[in-house]
C-alpha atoms as a PDB file:
ATOM      1  CA  MET A   1      -4.454 -34.955  16.008  1.00  0.00           C
ATOM      2  CA  LEU A   2      -1.988 -37.857  15.502  1.00  0.00           C
ATOM      3  CA  SER A   3      -4.360 -39.467  13.008  1.00  0.00           C
ATOM      4  CA  GLU A   4      -4.603 -36.167  11.090  1.00  0.00           C
ATOM      5  CA  LEU A   5      -0.811 -35.914  10.962  1.00  0.00           C
ATOM      6  CA  LEU A   6      -0.490 -39.510   9.769  1.00  0.00           C
ATOM      7  CA  LEU A   7      -3.136 -38.906   7.106  1.00  0.00           C
ATOM      8  CA  ALA A   8      -1.397 -35.708   5.945  1.00  0.00           C
ATOM      9  CA  PHE A   9       1.977 -37.560   5.929  1.00  0.00           C
ATOM     10  CA  GLY A  10       0.451 -40.395   3.896  1.00  0.00           C
ATOM     11  CA  GLU A  11      -1.030 -37.970   1.347  1.00  0.00           C
ATOM     12  CA  GLU A  12       2.268 -36.058   1.140  1.00  0.00           C
ATOM     13  CA  THR A  13       4.203 -39.309   0.637  1.00  0.00           C
ATOM     14  CA  ALA A  14       1.778 -40.407  -2.082  1.00  0.00           C
ATOM     15  CA  LEU A  15       2.183 -37.021  -3.764  1.00  0.00           C
ATOM     16  CA  LEU A  16       5.972 -37.201  -3.656  1.00  0.00           C
ATOM     17  CA  SER A  17       6.055 -40.723  -5.021  1.00  0.00           C
ATOM     18  CA  ALA A  18       3.668 -39.751  -7.803  1.00  0.00           C
ATOM     19  CA  LYS A  19       5.858 -36.769  -8.735  1.00  0.00           C
ATOM     20  CA  LYS A  20       9.046 -38.749  -8.960  1.00  0.00           C
ATOM     21  CA  ASP A  21      10.177 -42.318  -8.844  1.00  0.00           C
ATOM     22  CA  ALA A  22      13.657 -43.828  -8.824  1.00  0.00           C
ATOM     23  CA  ARG A  23      13.981 -43.962 -12.632  1.00  0.00           C
ATOM     24  CA  GLY A  24      12.295 -40.786 -13.860  1.00  0.00           C
ATOM     25  CA  GLU A  25      10.089 -37.867 -13.244  1.00  0.00           C
ATOM     26  CA  ALA A  26       6.316 -37.821 -13.392  1.00  0.00           C
ATOM     27  CA  HIS A  27       4.987 -34.702 -15.058  1.00  0.00           C
ATOM     28  CA  PHE A  28       1.913 -32.870 -13.729  1.00  0.00           C
ATOM     29  CA  VAL A  29      -0.705 -32.811 -16.492  1.00  0.00           C
ATOM     30  CA  GLY A  30      -3.726 -31.368 -14.701  1.00  0.00           C
ATOM     31  CA  MET A  31      -6.295 -31.694 -11.998  1.00  0.00           C
ATOM     32  CA  ARG A  32      -8.381 -34.855 -12.098  1.00  0.00           C
ATOM     33  CA  GLU A  33     -11.737 -33.078 -12.487  1.00  0.00           C
ATOM     34  CA  GLU A  34     -10.418 -30.783 -15.243  1.00  0.00           C
ATOM     35  CA  LEU A  35      -9.105 -33.793 -17.225  1.00  0.00           C
ATOM     36  CA  ILE A  36     -12.315 -35.745 -16.707  1.00  0.00           C
ATOM     37  CA  GLU A  37     -14.330 -32.816 -18.058  1.00  0.00           C
ATOM     38  CA  ALA A  38     -12.012 -32.387 -21.044  1.00  0.00           C
ATOM     39  CA  LYS A  39     -11.996 -36.180 -21.785  1.00  0.00           C
ATOM     40  CA  ARG A  40      -8.893 -35.645 -23.984  1.00  0.00           C
ATOM     41  CA  SER A  41      -5.982 -33.252 -23.564  1.00  0.00           C
ATOM     42  CA  VAL A  42      -2.616 -32.907 -25.273  1.00  0.00           C
ATOM     43  CA  ARG A  43       0.410 -31.969 -23.174  1.00  0.00           C
ATOM     44  CA  THR A  44       4.017 -31.497 -24.236  1.00  0.00           C
ATOM     45  CA  LEU A  45       6.231 -33.244 -21.692  1.00  0.00           C
ATOM     46  CA  ALA A  46       9.996 -33.115 -22.073  1.00  0.00           C
ATOM     47  CA  GLY A  47       9.563 -32.362 -25.800  1.00  0.00           C
ATOM     48  CA  ARG A  48       7.080 -35.215 -26.347  1.00  0.00           C
ATOM     49  CA  ASP A  49       3.426 -34.588 -27.294  1.00  0.00           C
ATOM     50  CA  VAL A  50       1.269 -36.821 -25.111  1.00  0.00           C
ATOM     51  CA  LEU A  51      -2.482 -37.384 -25.351  1.00  0.00           C
ATOM     52  CA  VAL A  52      -4.196 -37.851 -21.981  1.00  0.00           C
ATOM     53  CA  ILE A  53      -7.526 -39.649 -22.334  1.00  0.00           C
ATOM     54  CA  TYR A  54     -10.238 -40.200 -19.736  1.00  0.00           C
ATOM     55  CA  HIS A  55     -12.588 -42.986 -20.826  1.00  0.00           C
ATOM     56  CA  LEU A  56     -14.852 -45.275 -18.809  1.00  0.00           C
ATOM     57  CA  GLU A  57     -13.470 -44.009 -15.482  1.00  0.00           C
ATOM     58  CA  THR A  58      -9.844 -44.687 -16.466  1.00  0.00           C
ATOM     59  CA  PHE A  59      -6.983 -42.444 -17.532  1.00  0.00           C
ATOM     60  CA  TYR A  60      -4.689 -43.391 -20.430  1.00  0.00           C
ATOM     61  CA  ALA A  61      -1.665 -41.600 -21.889  1.00  0.00           C
ATOM     62  CA  MET A  62      -0.037 -42.201 -25.266  1.00  0.00           C
ATOM     63  CA  ASP A  63       1.902 -40.339 -27.955  1.00  0.00           C
ATOM     64  CA  SER A  64      -0.611 -37.952 -29.478  1.00  0.00           C
ATOM     65  CA  TYR A  65       0.189 -38.661 -33.150  1.00  0.00           C
ATOM     66  CA  CYS A  66      -0.738 -41.930 -34.837  1.00  0.00           C
ATOM     67  CA  TYR A  67       2.202 -44.247 -35.550  1.00  0.00           C
ATOM     68  CA  HIS A  68       1.111 -44.628 -39.180  1.00  0.00           C
ATOM     69  CA  GLU A  69       1.265 -41.093 -40.564  1.00  0.00           C
ATOM     70  CA  ALA A  70       0.954 -38.715 -37.600  1.00  0.00           C
ATOM     71  CA  GLY A  71      -2.816 -38.329 -37.529  1.00  0.00           C
ATOM     72  CA  ALA A  72      -4.008 -36.359 -34.501  1.00  0.00           C
ATOM     73  CA  LEU A  73      -5.449 -39.041 -32.222  1.00  0.00           C
ATOM     74  CA  GLN A  74      -7.171 -36.443 -30.042  1.00  0.00           C
ATOM     75  CA  THR A  75     -10.152 -36.459 -32.443  1.00  0.00           C
ATOM     76  CA  GLY A  76     -10.309 -40.236 -32.940  1.00  0.00           C
ATOM     77  CA  ASP A  77     -13.255 -42.361 -31.922  1.00  0.00           C
ATOM     78  CA  ILE A  78     -12.864 -44.884 -29.104  1.00  0.00           C
ATOM     79  CA  GLU A  79     -14.354 -48.360 -29.568  1.00  0.00           C
ATOM     80  CA  GLU A  80     -14.007 -51.809 -28.045  1.00  0.00           C
ATOM     81  CA  LEU A  81     -12.478 -54.173 -30.614  1.00  0.00           C
ATOM     82  CA  GLY A  82     -11.626 -57.775 -29.825  1.00  0.00           C
ATOM     83  CA  GLY A  83     -12.200 -57.105 -26.130  1.00  0.00           C
ATOM     84  CA  LYS A  84      -9.751 -54.156 -26.062  1.00  0.00           C
ATOM     85  CA  LEU A  85     -10.462 -50.439 -25.919  1.00  0.00           C
ATOM     86  CA  CYS A  86      -8.990 -48.764 -29.007  1.00  0.00           C
ATOM     87  CA  ILE A  87      -8.643 -45.279 -30.381  1.00  0.00           C
ATOM     88  CA  ILE A  88      -9.209 -45.046 -34.127  1.00  0.00           C
ATOM     89  CA  CYS A  89      -7.035 -42.652 -36.066  1.00  0.00           C
ATOM     90  CA  PRO A  90      -9.263 -40.165 -37.866  1.00  0.00           C
ATOM     91  CA  ASN A  91      -6.971 -40.054 -40.932  1.00  0.00           C
ATOM     92  CA  HIS A  92      -6.579 -43.680 -42.005  1.00  0.00           C
ATOM     93  CA  LYS A  93      -8.692 -45.558 -39.433  1.00  0.00           C
ATOM     94  CA  TYR A  94      -5.755 -47.377 -37.804  1.00  0.00           C
ATOM     95  CA  LYS A  95      -6.848 -49.031 -34.548  1.00  0.00           C
ATOM     96  CA  ILE A  96      -4.595 -48.610 -31.476  1.00  0.00           C
ATOM     97  CA  THR A  97      -5.232 -50.160 -28.079  1.00  0.00           C
ATOM     98  CA  LEU A  98      -5.377 -47.575 -25.302  1.00  0.00           C
ATOM     99  CA  ALA A  99      -3.619 -49.651 -22.672  1.00  0.00           C
ATOM    100  CA  GLU A 100      -0.804 -51.308 -24.672  1.00  0.00           C
ATOM    101  CA  GLY A 101      -0.425 -49.201 -27.827  1.00  0.00           C
ATOM    102  CA  GLU A 102      -0.850 -52.256 -30.074  1.00  0.00           C
ATOM    103  CA  GLY A 103      -1.891 -51.812 -33.657  1.00  0.00           C
ATOM    104  CA  LEU A 104      -4.922 -54.008 -34.396  1.00  0.00           C
ATOM    105  CA  TYR A 105      -6.211 -55.281 -37.705  1.00  0.00           C
ATOM    106  CA  LYS A 106      -9.040 -57.622 -38.723  1.00  0.00           C
ATOM    107  CA  ASP A 107      -8.283 -60.770 -40.680  1.00  0.00           C
ATOM    108  CA  THR A 108      -9.457 -64.327 -41.282  1.00  0.00           C
ATOM    109  CA  ASP A 109      -7.618 -67.624 -41.207  1.00  0.00           C
ATOM    110  CA  PRO A 110      -7.944 -68.969 -44.775  1.00  0.00           C
ATOM    111  CA  MET A 111      -7.192 -72.474 -43.516  1.00  0.00           C
ATOM    112  CA  GLU A 112     -10.470 -72.597 -41.591  1.00  0.00           C
ATOM    113  CA  LYS A 113     -13.468 -74.228 -43.231  1.00  0.00           C
ATOM    114  CA  SER A 114     -15.724 -71.238 -42.445  1.00  0.00           C
ATOM    115  CA  PRO A 115     -13.316 -68.356 -41.838  1.00  0.00           C
ATOM    116  CA  VAL A 116     -14.464 -65.782 -39.302  1.00  0.00           C
ATOM    117  CA  ALA A 117     -12.780 -62.387 -39.115  1.00  0.00           C
ATOM    118  CA  VAL A 118     -10.979 -61.739 -35.816  1.00  0.00           C
ATOM    119  CA  TRP A 119      -8.935 -58.861 -34.429  1.00  0.00           C
ATOM    120  CA  LEU A 120      -5.205 -59.523 -34.526  1.00  0.00           C
ATOM    121  CA  SER A 121      -2.252 -57.579 -33.119  1.00  0.00           C
ATOM    122  CA  LYS A 122       0.607 -56.036 -35.067  1.00  0.00           C
ATOM    123  CA  GLY A 123       2.411 -55.667 -31.717  1.00  0.00           C
ATOM    124  CA  PRO A 124       3.221 -52.418 -29.917  1.00  0.00           C
ATOM    125  CA  LYS A 125       3.261 -49.496 -32.371  1.00  0.00           C
ATOM    126  CA  GLN A 126       2.182 -46.502 -30.245  1.00  0.00           C
ATOM    127  CA  ARG A 127       4.134 -45.499 -27.136  1.00  0.00           C
ATOM    128  CA  VAL A 128       1.987 -45.480 -24.012  1.00  0.00           C
ATOM    129  CA  HIS A 129       2.922 -43.771 -20.764  1.00  0.00           C
ATOM    130  CA  SER A 130       1.935 -44.435 -17.175  1.00  0.00           C
ATOM    131  CA  ILE A 131      -0.463 -42.272 -15.206  1.00  0.00           C
ATOM    132  CA  THR A 132      -0.663 -41.736 -11.460  1.00  0.00           C
ATOM    133  CA  GLU A 133      -2.981 -39.651  -9.318  1.00  0.00           C
ATOM    134  CA  ALA A 134      -2.414 -38.009  -5.936  1.00  0.00           C
ATOM    135  CA  ASN A 135      -4.625 -35.510  -4.115  1.00  0.00           C
ATOM    136  CA  GLY A 136      -6.698 -34.818  -7.225  1.00  0.00           C
ATOM    137  CA  GLU A 137      -3.606 -34.145  -9.350  1.00  0.00           C
ATOM    138  CA  VAL A 138      -2.773 -36.296 -12.362  1.00  0.00           C
ATOM    139  CA  TYR A 139       0.794 -37.101 -13.433  1.00  0.00           C
ATOM    140  CA  VAL A 140       2.271 -38.823 -16.501  1.00  0.00           C
ATOM    141  CA  LYS A 141       5.568 -40.650 -16.378  1.00  0.00           C
ATOM    142  CA  LEU A 142       6.994 -40.962 -19.856  1.00  0.00           C
ATOM    143  CA  SER A 143       7.807 -44.485 -21.006  1.00  0.00           C
ATOM    144  CA  GLU A 144      11.459 -45.403 -20.611  1.00  0.00           C
ATOM    145  CA  ASP A 145      11.162 -48.572 -22.699  1.00  0.00           C
ATOM    146  CA  PRO A 146      14.288 -48.584 -24.920  1.00  0.00           C
ATOM    147  CA  GLN A 147      12.473 -50.454 -27.720  1.00  0.00           C
ATOM    148  CA  ARG A 148      11.875 -48.104 -30.645  1.00  0.00           C
ATOM    149  CA  LEU A 149       8.208 -47.834 -31.535  1.00  0.00           C
ATOM    150  CA  ASP A 150       6.717 -46.441 -34.751  1.00  0.00           C
ATOM    151  CA  SER A 151       5.117 -43.494 -32.961  1.00  0.00           C
ATOM    152  CA  ASP A 152       8.569 -42.284 -31.837  1.00  0.00           C
ATOM    153  CA  PHE A 153       9.225 -41.077 -35.394  1.00  0.00           C
ATOM    154  CA  TYR A 154       6.618 -38.313 -35.021  1.00  0.00           C
ATOM    155  CA  GLN A 155       7.998 -36.862 -31.785  1.00  0.00           C
ATOM    156  CA  GLY A 156      10.545 -34.109 -31.114  1.00  0.00           C
ATOM    157  CA  GLU A 157      11.836 -31.580 -33.617  1.00  0.00           C
ATOM    158  CA  ARG A 158      12.188 -34.070 -36.480  1.00  0.00           C
ATOM    159  CA  GLY A 159       8.592 -35.146 -35.913  1.00  0.00           C
ATOM    160  CA  LYS A 160       7.366 -31.541 -35.977  1.00  0.00           C
ATOM    161  CA  VAL A 161       9.101 -30.974 -39.328  1.00  0.00           C
ATOM    162  CA  HIS A 162       7.603 -34.147 -40.785  1.00  0.00           C
ATOM    163  CA  ARG A 163       4.095 -33.301 -39.490  1.00  0.00           C
ATOM    164  CA  ALA A 164       4.393 -29.812 -41.018  1.00  0.00           C
ATOM    165  CA  ASN A 165       5.453 -31.316 -44.345  1.00  0.00           C
ATOM    166  CA  VAL A 166       2.477 -33.707 -44.273  1.00  0.00           C
ATOM    167  CA  GLU A 167       0.071 -30.817 -43.531  1.00  0.00           C
ATOM    168  CA  GLU A 168       1.618 -28.700 -46.297  1.00  0.00           C
ATOM    169  CA  ALA A 169       1.213 -31.562 -48.779  1.00  0.00           C
ATOM    170  CA  LYS A 170      -2.446 -32.035 -47.742  1.00  0.00           C
ATOM    171  CA  ALA A 171      -3.099 -28.296 -48.168  1.00  0.00           C
ATOM    172  CA  ALA A 172      -1.434 -28.278 -51.599  1.00  0.00           C
ATOM    173  CA  LYS A 173      -3.445 -31.320 -52.670  1.00  0.00           C
ATOM    174  CA  ALA A 174      -6.708 -29.686 -51.479  1.00  0.00           C
ATOM    175  CA  ALA A 175      -5.844 -26.445 -53.272  1.00  0.00           C
ATOM    176  CA  LYS A 176      -5.059 -28.334 -56.471  1.00  0.00           C
ATOM    177  CA  ALA A 177      -8.365 -30.242 -56.233  1.00  0.00           C
ATOM    178  CA  LEU A 178     -10.253 -26.991 -55.661  1.00  0.00           C
ATOM    179  CA  GLN A 179      -8.500 -25.342 -58.603  1.00  0.00           C
ATOM    180  CA  LYS A 180      -9.316 -28.328 -60.835  1.00  0.00           C
ATOM    181  CA  LYS A 181     -12.970 -28.209 -59.723  1.00  0.00           C
ATOM    182  CA  LYS A 182     -13.184 -24.503 -60.636  1.00  0.00           C
ATOM    183  CA  SER A 183     -11.811 -25.039 -64.160  1.00  0.00           C
END
């Protein structure tokens, strides 16, 4: 009976520490099995749209819109590039590391005799958030890093307006192309 109480207390303590830490709140995003089955889910947490990804037995969380021009990362492919797992923006093929939010690009060193293309980092561009699990529940704690990252631009109300303007411009361009094709 004592061991059952200690086990229950340990699970309750883990759950409480997952829900909240000293600096901020962890937001419940779903049950582990549900998120594993979905593979990718978007949640709005404190006004921020966050993409939760389950890939190769690991959870990741990052801003859901690409830092470049707000492409929906939820539909991007995931590949290993330069030894790092990356999500590839479906709009412009920008490569973003899942764990660090770095923008990657391929380049060669022209000073080398036989230049070989390698993956290089642009530095952090996409905000990533931490994930914890307790009792089959998954929580995301939003990043509190004060450094402004490019993906921050597409969050909140201003980001919604910008994303709507981008979608409107795409629709207008498609309509114009269709009209031109008909004439």
